[in-house]
Amino acid sequence: MASSTAPHTSVLFARGVIARLAAWPALRIAVDQGWGGPESAQKRTWLASVLVDDFEEHQPAPDADYVEDRLLQVMADEFETVLEDGSAEAVAKDLVRLWAETAQGGDALLKEWEESADRLKGKKVEVEEAAGDNSDWEEMSDDEEDADEDEAPPLLDPSQRPHEPQIDADGFITVKSKGKGHR
């Protein structure tokens, strides 16, 4: 840390990262739902510290692509979540902007994000599960669903049933060979 303002800048940046992650819907859902296990909230804090370290330890500072990759990797590894909604890219760009702003001594983004995070505290994330175009779910009409529910499962074909055992006069069961090639 080269100058006397560096510790202050680091604190501002860290507070902004924590606030931005707290407002990120994908991470909020993952933490609320416990996708990262019982320590999901600690993983969110750990992610913030990893991101702060990435910016402080790399010269030049990481770009948005690097930060997005880091966010996607952590979401996949720690929360078993693959994001395809573009939100990681938006968060990454915001963090790069925050780094540039705090390096200049600004704190407008920090204040905005902290206010947003405070408003969201204690509120549950509303989740709407919907099958997308690329989902594994097959679309069925109501008629097809009703038809499936009303149909009985097919019974065995009588020709496929095993034949009754043949008992000879002495009480022995006659065993028939299963096919050709047997002795």
N, C-alpha and C. Protein backbone atom coordinates (compact mmCIF):
# COMPACT_ATOMS: atom_id res chain seq x y z
N MET A 1 0.85 -1.17 0.00
CA MET A 1 0.00 0.00 0.00
C MET A 1 0.89 1.23 0.00
N ALA A 2 0.90 1.89 -1.10
CA ALA A 2 1.90 2.91 -1.36
C ALA A 2 1.64 4.22 -0.63
N SER A 3 0.40 4.62 -0.46
CA SER A 3 0.15 5.93 0.13
C SER A 3 -0.65 5.79 1.42
N SER A 4 -0.76 6.92 2.13
CA SER A 4 -1.47 6.90 3.41
C SER A 4 -2.99 6.78 3.20
N THR A 5 -3.46 7.05 2.00
CA THR A 5 -4.90 6.93 1.73
C THR A 5 -5.27 5.51 1.32
N ALA A 6 -4.28 4.65 1.09
CA ALA A 6 -4.56 3.29 0.64
C ALA A 6 -5.42 2.50 1.63
N PRO A 7 -5.14 2.54 2.95
CA PRO A 7 -6.00 1.80 3.86
C PRO A 7 -7.45 2.29 3.82
N HIS A 8 -7.62 3.60 3.75
CA HIS A 8 -8.97 4.16 3.67
C HIS A 8 -9.66 3.70 2.38
N THR A 9 -8.94 3.71 1.27
CA THR A 9 -9.48 3.27 0.00
C THR A 9 -9.85 1.79 0.05
N SER A 10 -9.01 0.98 0.66
CA SER A 10 -9.29 -0.45 0.78
C SER A 10 -10.56 -0.71 1.59
N VAL A 11 -10.71 0.06 2.66
CA VAL A 11 -11.91 -0.10 3.49
C VAL A 11 -13.16 0.29 2.71
N LEU A 12 -13.09 1.39 1.99
CA LEU A 12 -14.24 1.81 1.18
C LEU A 12 -14.57 0.76 0.12
N PHE A 13 -13.54 0.27 -0.55
CA PHE A 13 -13.76 -0.73 -1.58
C PHE A 13 -14.35 -2.01 -0.98
N ALA A 14 -13.82 -2.47 0.14
CA ALA A 14 -14.33 -3.68 0.78
C ALA A 14 -15.79 -3.51 1.19
N ARG A 15 -16.13 -2.37 1.76
CA ARG A 15 -17.52 -2.11 2.13
C ARG A 15 -18.42 -2.13 0.90
N GLY A 16 -17.93 -1.56 -0.20
CA GLY A 16 -18.72 -1.56 -1.43
C GLY A 16 -18.92 -2.95 -2.00
N VAL A 17 -17.87 -3.77 -1.95
CA VAL A 17 -17.98 -5.15 -2.44
C VAL A 17 -19.00 -5.92 -1.62
N ILE A 18 -18.92 -5.78 -0.30
CA ILE A 18 -19.87 -6.48 0.58
C ILE A 18 -21.30 -6.03 0.28
N ALA A 19 -21.48 -4.73 0.11
CA ALA A 19 -22.82 -4.20 -0.17
C ALA A 19 -23.33 -4.67 -1.53
N ARG A 20 -22.46 -4.67 -2.53
CA ARG A 20 -22.89 -5.08 -3.88
C ARG A 20 -23.24 -6.56 -3.90
N LEU A 21 -22.46 -7.38 -3.23
CA LEU A 21 -22.77 -8.81 -3.17
C LEU A 21 -24.06 -9.07 -2.39
N ALA A 22 -24.31 -8.27 -1.35
CA ALA A 22 -25.53 -8.43 -0.55
C ALA A 22 -26.77 -8.11 -1.37
N ALA A 23 -26.62 -7.28 -2.39
CA ALA A 23 -27.76 -6.90 -3.22
C ALA A 23 -27.88 -7.74 -4.49
N TRP A 24 -26.95 -8.63 -4.75
CA TRP A 24 -26.97 -9.46 -5.95
C TRP A 24 -28.01 -10.57 -5.77
N PRO A 25 -29.10 -10.55 -6.54
CA PRO A 25 -30.18 -11.52 -6.34
C PRO A 25 -29.74 -12.98 -6.41
N ALA A 26 -28.87 -13.32 -7.33
CA ALA A 26 -28.45 -14.71 -7.47
C ALA A 26 -27.74 -15.20 -6.21
N LEU A 27 -26.87 -14.38 -5.66
CA LEU A 27 -26.15 -14.77 -4.45
C LEU A 27 -27.09 -14.74 -3.24
N ARG A 28 -28.00 -13.78 -3.21
CA ARG A 28 -28.97 -13.73 -2.10
C ARG A 28 -29.81 -15.00 -2.07
N ILE A 29 -30.26 -15.45 -3.23
CA ILE A 29 -31.06 -16.68 -3.29
C ILE A 29 -30.22 -17.86 -2.82
N ALA A 30 -29.00 -17.95 -3.32
CA ALA A 30 -28.12 -19.06 -2.95
C ALA A 30 -27.88 -19.11 -1.45
N VAL A 31 -27.70 -17.95 -0.83
CA VAL A 31 -27.47 -17.90 0.61
C VAL A 31 -28.77 -18.20 1.37
N ASP A 32 -29.88 -17.56 0.97
CA ASP A 32 -31.16 -17.78 1.64
C ASP A 32 -31.60 -19.24 1.58
N GLN A 33 -31.35 -19.87 0.45
CA GLN A 33 -31.78 -21.26 0.26
C GLN A 33 -30.75 -22.27 0.77
N GLY A 34 -29.60 -21.78 1.21
CA GLY A 34 -28.58 -22.66 1.76
C GLY A 34 -27.91 -23.55 0.72
N TRP A 35 -27.79 -23.06 -0.51
CA TRP A 35 -27.18 -23.86 -1.57
C TRP A 35 -25.71 -24.13 -1.31
N GLY A 36 -25.10 -23.32 -0.48
CA GLY A 36 -23.70 -23.53 -0.14
C GLY A 36 -23.53 -24.28 1.17
N GLY A 37 -24.62 -24.87 1.63
CA GLY A 37 -24.58 -25.59 2.89
C GLY A 37 -24.88 -24.67 4.05
N PRO A 38 -24.68 -25.15 5.27
CA PRO A 38 -25.01 -24.34 6.45
C PRO A 38 -24.13 -23.10 6.59
N GLU A 39 -23.00 -23.08 5.92
CA GLU A 39 -22.11 -21.92 6.01
C GLU A 39 -22.22 -21.01 4.78
N SER A 40 -23.39 -20.94 4.17
CA SER A 40 -23.58 -20.13 2.96
C SER A 40 -23.26 -18.65 3.21
N ALA A 41 -23.69 -18.11 4.34
CA ALA A 41 -23.43 -16.69 4.62
C ALA A 41 -21.93 -16.44 4.77
N GLN A 42 -21.22 -17.37 5.38
CA GLN A 42 -19.77 -17.21 5.51
C GLN A 42 -19.10 -17.28 4.15
N LYS A 43 -19.65 -18.08 3.25
CA LYS A 43 -19.08 -18.16 1.89
C LYS A 43 -19.26 -16.84 1.15
N ARG A 44 -20.38 -16.15 1.39
CA ARG A 44 -20.58 -14.84 0.77
C ARG A 44 -19.51 -13.87 1.27
N THR A 45 -19.23 -13.87 2.57
CA THR A 45 -18.21 -12.99 3.14
C THR A 45 -16.83 -13.37 2.60
N TRP A 46 -16.57 -14.67 2.50
CA TRP A 46 -15.30 -15.14 1.95
C TRP A 46 -15.13 -14.66 0.51
N LEU A 47 -16.22 -14.74 -0.29
CA LEU A 47 -16.16 -14.27 -1.68
C LEU A 47 -15.79 -12.80 -1.72
N ALA A 48 -16.38 -12.00 -0.85
CA ALA A 48 -16.04 -10.58 -0.80
C ALA A 48 -14.56 -10.38 -0.52
N SER A 49 -14.02 -11.15 0.42
CA SER A 49 -12.59 -10.98 0.75
C SER A 49 -11.70 -11.43 -0.40
N VAL A 50 -12.10 -12.47 -1.11
CA VAL A 50 -11.33 -12.93 -2.27
C VAL A 50 -11.31 -11.85 -3.35
N LEU A 51 -12.45 -11.23 -3.59
CA LEU A 51 -12.53 -10.17 -4.61
C LEU A 51 -11.69 -8.96 -4.21
N VAL A 52 -11.75 -8.58 -2.96
CA VAL A 52 -10.94 -7.45 -2.49
C VAL A 52 -9.46 -7.78 -2.67
N ASP A 53 -9.07 -8.98 -2.28
CA ASP A 53 -7.66 -9.39 -2.46
C ASP A 53 -7.26 -9.37 -3.92
N ASP A 54 -8.16 -9.83 -4.81
CA ASP A 54 -7.85 -9.83 -6.25
C ASP A 54 -7.50 -8.42 -6.71
N PHE A 55 -8.28 -7.43 -6.28
CA PHE A 55 -8.03 -6.05 -6.73
C PHE A 55 -6.78 -5.46 -6.08
N GLU A 56 -6.55 -5.78 -4.82
CA GLU A 56 -5.41 -5.18 -4.12
C GLU A 56 -4.08 -5.81 -4.52
N GLU A 57 -4.09 -7.07 -4.92
CA GLU A 57 -2.84 -7.79 -5.16
C GLU A 57 -2.42 -7.81 -6.62
N HIS A 58 -3.29 -7.46 -7.54
CA HIS A 58 -2.94 -7.53 -8.96
C HIS A 58 -2.70 -6.13 -9.53
N GLN A 59 -1.61 -6.01 -10.27
CA GLN A 59 -1.31 -4.78 -10.99
C GLN A 59 -1.16 -5.13 -12.45
N PRO A 60 -1.92 -4.63 -13.34
CA PRO A 60 -3.05 -3.74 -13.11
C PRO A 60 -4.22 -4.48 -12.46
N ALA A 61 -5.18 -3.72 -12.01
CA ALA A 61 -6.35 -4.29 -11.35
C ALA A 61 -7.10 -5.21 -12.33
N PRO A 62 -7.77 -6.21 -11.80
CA PRO A 62 -8.51 -7.13 -12.67
C PRO A 62 -9.56 -6.40 -13.50
N ASP A 63 -9.82 -6.93 -14.69
CA ASP A 63 -10.86 -6.34 -15.53
C ASP A 63 -12.19 -7.06 -15.26
N ALA A 64 -13.24 -6.59 -15.90
CA ALA A 64 -14.58 -7.13 -15.66
C ALA A 64 -14.68 -8.60 -16.05
N ASP A 65 -13.98 -9.02 -17.11
CA ASP A 65 -14.03 -10.43 -17.51
C ASP A 65 -13.43 -11.33 -16.44
N TYR A 66 -12.31 -10.90 -15.86
CA TYR A 66 -11.67 -11.69 -14.80
C TYR A 66 -12.60 -11.81 -13.60
N VAL A 67 -13.19 -10.69 -13.20
CA VAL A 67 -14.07 -10.67 -12.03
C VAL A 67 -15.31 -11.52 -12.30
N GLU A 68 -15.87 -11.42 -13.50
CA GLU A 68 -17.04 -12.23 -13.85
C GLU A 68 -16.69 -13.72 -13.77
N ASP A 69 -15.54 -14.10 -14.32
CA ASP A 69 -15.12 -15.51 -14.25
C ASP A 69 -14.97 -15.96 -12.80
N ARG A 70 -14.42 -15.09 -11.96
CA ARG A 70 -14.25 -15.43 -10.54
C ARG A 70 -15.62 -15.63 -9.88
N LEU A 71 -16.56 -14.74 -10.17
CA LEU A 71 -17.91 -14.85 -9.60
C LEU A 71 -18.60 -16.14 -10.05
N LEU A 72 -18.51 -16.42 -11.34
CA LEU A 72 -19.14 -17.64 -11.87
C LEU A 72 -18.50 -18.90 -11.30
N GLN A 73 -17.18 -18.87 -11.15
CA GLN A 73 -16.46 -20.02 -10.60
C GLN A 73 -16.89 -20.27 -9.15
N VAL A 74 -16.95 -19.23 -8.36
CA VAL A 74 -17.33 -19.39 -6.95
C VAL A 74 -18.79 -19.85 -6.84
N MET A 75 -19.67 -19.29 -7.66
CA MET A 75 -21.07 -19.72 -7.62
C MET A 75 -21.20 -21.19 -7.98
N ALA A 76 -20.42 -21.64 -8.95
CA ALA A 76 -20.47 -23.04 -9.36
C ALA A 76 -19.84 -23.95 -8.31
N ASP A 77 -18.67 -23.57 -7.82
CA ASP A 77 -17.92 -24.43 -6.89
C ASP A 77 -18.52 -24.44 -5.49
N GLU A 78 -18.89 -23.28 -4.99
CA GLU A 78 -19.33 -23.18 -3.59
C GLU A 78 -20.84 -23.29 -3.40
N PHE A 79 -21.61 -22.89 -4.43
CA PHE A 79 -23.07 -22.90 -4.29
C PHE A 79 -23.74 -23.85 -5.28
N GLU A 80 -22.92 -24.57 -6.05
CA GLU A 80 -23.41 -25.53 -7.03
C GLU A 80 -24.50 -24.91 -7.91
N THR A 81 -24.20 -23.71 -8.40
CA THR A 81 -25.15 -22.94 -9.20
C THR A 81 -24.47 -22.46 -10.47
N VAL A 82 -25.08 -22.73 -11.60
CA VAL A 82 -24.58 -22.23 -12.88
C VAL A 82 -25.47 -21.07 -13.29
N LEU A 83 -24.87 -19.90 -13.39
CA LEU A 83 -25.64 -18.70 -13.75
C LEU A 83 -25.54 -18.44 -15.24
N GLU A 84 -26.70 -18.19 -15.82
CA GLU A 84 -26.75 -17.87 -17.25
C GLU A 84 -27.59 -16.63 -17.49
N ASP A 85 -27.80 -15.83 -16.43
CA ASP A 85 -28.68 -14.68 -16.55
C ASP A 85 -27.96 -13.37 -16.80
N GLY A 86 -26.63 -13.41 -16.88
CA GLY A 86 -25.87 -12.19 -17.16
C GLY A 86 -25.63 -11.34 -15.93
N SER A 87 -26.15 -11.76 -14.77
CA SER A 87 -26.01 -10.93 -13.58
C SER A 87 -24.57 -10.87 -13.08
N ALA A 88 -23.80 -11.93 -13.28
CA ALA A 88 -22.40 -11.92 -12.85
C ALA A 88 -21.61 -10.87 -13.63
N GLU A 89 -21.93 -10.70 -14.88
CA GLU A 89 -21.26 -9.68 -15.69
C GLU A 89 -21.57 -8.28 -15.16
N ALA A 90 -22.83 -8.04 -14.81
CA ALA A 90 -23.22 -6.73 -14.28
C ALA A 90 -22.52 -6.45 -12.95
N VAL A 91 -22.46 -7.45 -12.08
CA VAL A 91 -21.78 -7.27 -10.79
C VAL A 91 -20.29 -7.01 -11.03
N ALA A 92 -19.69 -7.74 -11.95
CA ALA A 92 -18.27 -7.57 -12.24
C ALA A 92 -17.98 -6.14 -12.73
N LYS A 93 -18.80 -5.65 -13.64
CA LYS A 93 -18.61 -4.29 -14.15
C LYS A 93 -18.78 -3.27 -13.02
N ASP A 94 -19.75 -3.51 -12.14
CA ASP A 94 -19.96 -2.60 -11.01
C ASP A 94 -18.74 -2.58 -10.09
N LEU A 95 -18.14 -3.73 -9.84
CA LEU A 95 -16.98 -3.78 -8.95
C LEU A 95 -15.77 -3.09 -9.56
N VAL A 96 -15.60 -3.22 -10.87
CA VAL A 96 -14.50 -2.52 -11.55
C VAL A 96 -14.72 -1.01 -11.45
N ARG A 97 -15.97 -0.57 -11.64
CA ARG A 97 -16.29 0.87 -11.49
C ARG A 97 -16.03 1.33 -10.06
N LEU A 98 -16.41 0.51 -9.09
CA LEU A 98 -16.20 0.86 -7.68
C LEU A 98 -14.72 1.00 -7.38
N TRP A 99 -13.90 0.09 -7.90
CA TRP A 99 -12.46 0.16 -7.68
C TRP A 99 -11.90 1.48 -8.21
N ALA A 100 -12.30 1.83 -9.42
CA ALA A 100 -11.82 3.08 -10.02
C ALA A 100 -12.29 4.29 -9.21
N GLU A 101 -13.53 4.25 -8.76
CA GLU A 101 -14.07 5.38 -7.99
C GLU A 101 -13.38 5.53 -6.64
N THR A 102 -13.22 4.42 -5.92
CA THR A 102 -12.60 4.52 -4.59
C THR A 102 -11.12 4.87 -4.70
N ALA A 103 -10.47 4.48 -5.79
CA ALA A 103 -9.07 4.85 -5.99
C ALA A 103 -8.93 6.36 -6.13
N GLN A 104 -10.00 7.02 -6.63
CA GLN A 104 -10.00 8.48 -6.78
C GLN A 104 -10.55 9.17 -5.53
N GLY A 105 -10.90 8.38 -4.52
CA GLY A 105 -11.42 8.96 -3.28
C GLY A 105 -12.93 9.10 -3.24
N GLY A 106 -13.62 8.64 -4.27
CA GLY A 106 -15.07 8.77 -4.32
C GLY A 106 -15.77 7.67 -3.54
N ASP A 107 -17.00 7.97 -3.13
CA ASP A 107 -17.76 6.97 -2.40
C ASP A 107 -19.25 6.96 -2.76
N ALA A 108 -19.62 7.53 -3.89
CA ALA A 108 -21.03 7.61 -4.28
C ALA A 108 -21.62 6.22 -4.52
N LEU A 109 -20.90 5.37 -5.25
CA LEU A 109 -21.40 4.00 -5.49
C LEU A 109 -21.52 3.24 -4.18
N LEU A 110 -20.52 3.40 -3.33
CA LEU A 110 -20.53 2.73 -2.03
C LEU A 110 -21.80 3.10 -1.26
N LYS A 111 -22.08 4.38 -1.16
CA LYS A 111 -23.26 4.83 -0.41
C LYS A 111 -24.55 4.30 -1.04
N GLU A 112 -24.62 4.34 -2.36
CA GLU A 112 -25.81 3.84 -3.07
C GLU A 112 -26.03 2.35 -2.78
N TRP A 113 -24.97 1.58 -2.85
CA TRP A 113 -25.08 0.13 -2.65
C TRP A 113 -25.35 -0.22 -1.20
N GLU A 114 -24.75 0.54 -0.27
CA GLU A 114 -25.03 0.27 1.14
C GLU A 114 -26.49 0.57 1.48
N GLU A 115 -27.03 1.64 0.91
CA GLU A 115 -28.45 1.94 1.13
C GLU A 115 -29.33 0.84 0.55
N SER A 116 -28.98 0.38 -0.62
CA SER A 116 -29.73 -0.71 -1.26
C SER A 116 -29.66 -1.99 -0.42
N ALA A 117 -28.47 -2.31 0.06
CA ALA A 117 -28.29 -3.52 0.88
C ALA A 117 -29.07 -3.40 2.18
N ASP A 118 -29.10 -2.20 2.78
CA ASP A 118 -29.86 -2.00 4.01
C ASP A 118 -31.35 -2.19 3.78
N ARG A 119 -31.85 -1.71 2.65
CA ARG A 119 -33.28 -1.88 2.33
C ARG A 119 -33.63 -3.36 2.14
N LEU A 120 -32.68 -4.13 1.63
CA LEU A 120 -32.94 -5.55 1.35
C LEU A 120 -32.75 -6.46 2.55
N LYS A 121 -32.12 -5.95 3.61
CA LYS A 121 -31.86 -6.79 4.78
C LYS A 121 -33.16 -7.34 5.34
N GLY A 122 -33.14 -8.65 5.60
CA GLY A 122 -34.29 -9.30 6.21
C GLY A 122 -35.41 -9.64 5.23
N LYS A 123 -35.31 -9.15 4.02
CA LYS A 123 -36.34 -9.46 3.02
C LYS A 123 -35.95 -10.72 2.27
N LYS A 124 -36.93 -11.56 2.05
CA LYS A 124 -36.70 -12.78 1.28
C LYS A 124 -36.70 -12.42 -0.20
N VAL A 125 -35.88 -13.11 -0.95
CA VAL A 125 -35.83 -12.93 -2.38
C VAL A 125 -37.01 -13.68 -2.98
N GLU A 126 -37.77 -13.02 -3.83
CA GLU A 126 -38.87 -13.69 -4.49
C GLU A 126 -38.33 -14.45 -5.69
N VAL A 127 -38.62 -15.74 -5.70
CA VAL A 127 -38.09 -16.62 -6.73
C VAL A 127 -39.26 -17.13 -7.56
N GLU A 128 -39.11 -17.00 -8.85
CA GLU A 128 -40.12 -17.55 -9.76
C GLU A 128 -39.43 -18.61 -10.59
N GLU A 129 -39.85 -19.85 -10.38
CA GLU A 129 -39.27 -20.94 -11.14
C GLU A 129 -40.07 -21.11 -12.41
N ALA A 130 -39.38 -21.07 -13.51
CA ALA A 130 -40.04 -21.23 -14.79
C ALA A 130 -39.14 -22.05 -15.69
N ALA A 131 -39.75 -22.91 -16.47
CA ALA A 131 -38.99 -23.70 -17.43
C ALA A 131 -38.72 -22.83 -18.64
N GLY A 132 -37.46 -22.69 -18.98
CA GLY A 132 -37.09 -21.86 -20.12
C GLY A 132 -37.11 -22.64 -21.41
N ASP A 133 -36.72 -21.98 -22.47
CA ASP A 133 -36.71 -22.63 -23.79
C ASP A 133 -35.76 -23.81 -23.84
N ASN A 134 -34.69 -23.75 -23.09
CA ASN A 134 -33.68 -24.81 -23.13
C ASN A 134 -33.82 -25.79 -21.98
N SER A 135 -35.00 -25.85 -21.38
CA SER A 135 -35.16 -26.71 -20.22
C SER A 135 -35.33 -28.16 -20.62
N ASP A 136 -35.21 -29.03 -19.64
CA ASP A 136 -35.39 -30.45 -19.87
C ASP A 136 -36.86 -30.85 -19.81
N TRP A 137 -37.71 -29.96 -19.42
CA TRP A 137 -39.13 -30.26 -19.29
C TRP A 137 -39.78 -30.25 -20.67
N GLU A 138 -40.67 -31.22 -20.87
CA GLU A 138 -41.41 -31.26 -22.12
C GLU A 138 -42.74 -30.56 -21.91
N GLU A 139 -43.13 -29.79 -22.89
CA GLU A 139 -44.41 -29.12 -22.78
C GLU A 139 -45.52 -30.07 -23.20
N MET A 140 -46.56 -30.12 -22.38
CA MET A 140 -47.70 -30.97 -22.68
C MET A 140 -48.96 -30.12 -22.56
N SER A 141 -49.92 -30.40 -23.41
CA SER A 141 -51.18 -29.70 -23.31
C SER A 141 -51.98 -30.31 -22.16
N ASP A 142 -53.01 -29.60 -21.71
CA ASP A 142 -53.85 -30.12 -20.63
C ASP A 142 -54.51 -31.42 -21.03
N ASP A 143 -54.88 -31.54 -22.31
CA ASP A 143 -55.54 -32.76 -22.78
C ASP A 143 -54.59 -33.96 -22.66
N GLU A 144 -53.32 -33.75 -23.02
CA GLU A 144 -52.35 -34.83 -22.93
C GLU A 144 -52.11 -35.24 -21.49
N GLU A 145 -52.05 -34.25 -20.58
CA GLU A 145 -51.85 -34.57 -19.17
C GLU A 145 -53.02 -35.36 -18.62
N ASP A 146 -54.25 -34.95 -18.96
CA ASP A 146 -55.43 -35.66 -18.49
C ASP A 146 -55.46 -37.08 -19.03
N ALA A 147 -55.08 -37.23 -20.30
CA ALA A 147 -55.10 -38.55 -20.91
C ALA A 147 -54.10 -39.47 -20.21
N ASP A 148 -52.93 -38.93 -19.85
CA ASP A 148 -51.92 -39.74 -19.17
C ASP A 148 -52.41 -40.19 -17.80
N GLU A 149 -53.13 -39.33 -17.11
CA GLU A 149 -53.60 -39.66 -15.78
C GLU A 149 -54.72 -40.70 -15.81
N ASP A 150 -55.54 -40.70 -16.86
CA ASP A 150 -56.70 -41.59 -16.93
C ASP A 150 -56.35 -42.98 -17.45
N GLU A 151 -55.25 -43.11 -18.15
CA GLU A 151 -54.91 -44.38 -18.75
C GLU A 151 -54.36 -45.35 -17.72
N ALA A 152 -54.78 -46.61 -17.85
CA ALA A 152 -54.24 -47.66 -16.99
C ALA A 152 -52.95 -48.16 -17.60
N PRO A 153 -52.04 -48.62 -16.80
CA PRO A 153 -50.80 -49.13 -17.37
C PRO A 153 -51.09 -50.38 -18.19
N PRO A 154 -50.33 -50.61 -19.24
CA PRO A 154 -50.59 -51.78 -20.08
C PRO A 154 -50.33 -53.07 -19.30
N LEU A 155 -51.21 -54.04 -19.52
CA LEU A 155 -51.06 -55.34 -18.86
C LEU A 155 -50.14 -56.21 -19.68
N LEU A 156 -49.67 -57.29 -19.06
CA LEU A 156 -48.81 -58.23 -19.77
C LEU A 156 -49.62 -58.94 -20.86
N ASP A 157 -48.98 -59.14 -21.96
CA ASP A 157 -49.59 -59.89 -23.05
C ASP A 157 -49.70 -61.34 -22.60
N PRO A 158 -50.89 -61.97 -22.77
CA PRO A 158 -51.05 -63.36 -22.30
C PRO A 158 -50.03 -64.32 -22.93
N SER A 159 -49.57 -64.03 -24.12
CA SER A 159 -48.60 -64.93 -24.74
C SER A 159 -47.24 -64.82 -24.06
N GLN A 160 -46.99 -63.74 -23.29
CA GLN A 160 -45.72 -63.57 -22.61
C GLN A 160 -45.72 -64.15 -21.20
N ARG A 161 -46.88 -64.57 -20.72
CA ARG A 161 -46.94 -65.13 -19.37
C ARG A 161 -46.24 -66.49 -19.35
N PRO A 162 -45.63 -66.81 -18.23
CA PRO A 162 -45.01 -68.13 -18.15
C PRO A 162 -46.10 -69.22 -18.16
N HIS A 163 -45.76 -70.34 -18.79
CA HIS A 163 -46.73 -71.44 -18.87
C HIS A 163 -46.81 -72.15 -17.53
N GLU A 164 -47.96 -72.72 -17.27
CA GLU A 164 -48.15 -73.49 -16.04
C GLU A 164 -47.21 -74.70 -16.06
N PRO A 165 -46.61 -75.05 -14.94
CA PRO A 165 -45.72 -76.21 -14.93
C PRO A 165 -46.51 -77.50 -15.20
N GLN A 166 -45.89 -78.39 -15.94
CA GLN A 166 -46.53 -79.68 -16.23
C GLN A 166 -46.02 -80.72 -15.24
N ILE A 167 -46.94 -81.34 -14.56
CA ILE A 167 -46.59 -82.36 -13.56
C ILE A 167 -46.95 -83.71 -14.13
N ASP A 168 -45.98 -84.64 -14.12
CA ASP A 168 -46.25 -85.97 -14.67
C ASP A 168 -46.94 -86.85 -13.61
N ALA A 169 -47.19 -88.10 -13.96
CA ALA A 169 -47.94 -89.03 -13.09
C ALA A 169 -47.22 -89.30 -11.78
N ASP A 170 -45.89 -89.22 -11.79
CA ASP A 170 -45.13 -89.50 -10.58
C ASP A 170 -45.00 -88.26 -9.67
N GLY A 171 -45.51 -87.08 -10.12
CA GLY A 171 -45.45 -85.86 -9.32
C GLY A 171 -44.24 -84.98 -9.61
N PHE A 172 -43.51 -85.35 -10.66
CA PHE A 172 -42.34 -84.56 -11.04
C PHE A 172 -42.76 -83.46 -12.03
N ILE A 173 -42.08 -82.30 -11.94
CA ILE A 173 -42.34 -81.20 -12.87
C ILE A 173 -41.44 -81.39 -14.08
N THR A 174 -42.05 -81.30 -15.26
CA THR A 174 -41.29 -81.42 -16.49
C THR A 174 -40.64 -80.07 -16.78
N VAL A 175 -39.32 -80.10 -16.93
CA VAL A 175 -38.58 -78.87 -17.22
C VAL A 175 -38.34 -78.82 -18.71
N LYS A 176 -38.74 -77.70 -19.32
CA LYS A 176 -38.55 -77.52 -20.77
C LYS A 176 -37.30 -76.68 -20.98
N SER A 177 -36.58 -76.98 -22.02
CA SER A 177 -35.36 -76.24 -22.32
C SER A 177 -35.72 -74.82 -22.74
N LYS A 178 -34.83 -73.87 -22.48
CA LYS A 178 -35.07 -72.46 -22.77
C LYS A 178 -34.85 -72.12 -24.25
N GLY A 179 -34.05 -72.85 -24.92
CA GLY A 179 -33.80 -72.50 -26.30
C GLY A 179 -32.83 -73.46 -26.92
N LYS A 180 -32.41 -73.12 -28.11
CA LYS A 180 -31.47 -73.97 -28.85
C LYS A 180 -30.09 -73.89 -28.25
N GLY A 181 -29.30 -74.92 -28.46
CA GLY A 181 -27.92 -74.91 -28.02
C GLY A 181 -27.73 -75.48 -26.64
N HIS A 182 -28.77 -75.73 -25.91
CA HIS A 182 -28.62 -76.30 -24.57
C HIS A 182 -28.54 -77.80 -24.68
N ARG A 183 -27.87 -78.45 -23.80
CA ARG A 183 -27.69 -79.88 -23.84
C ARG A 183 -28.91 -80.62 -23.43
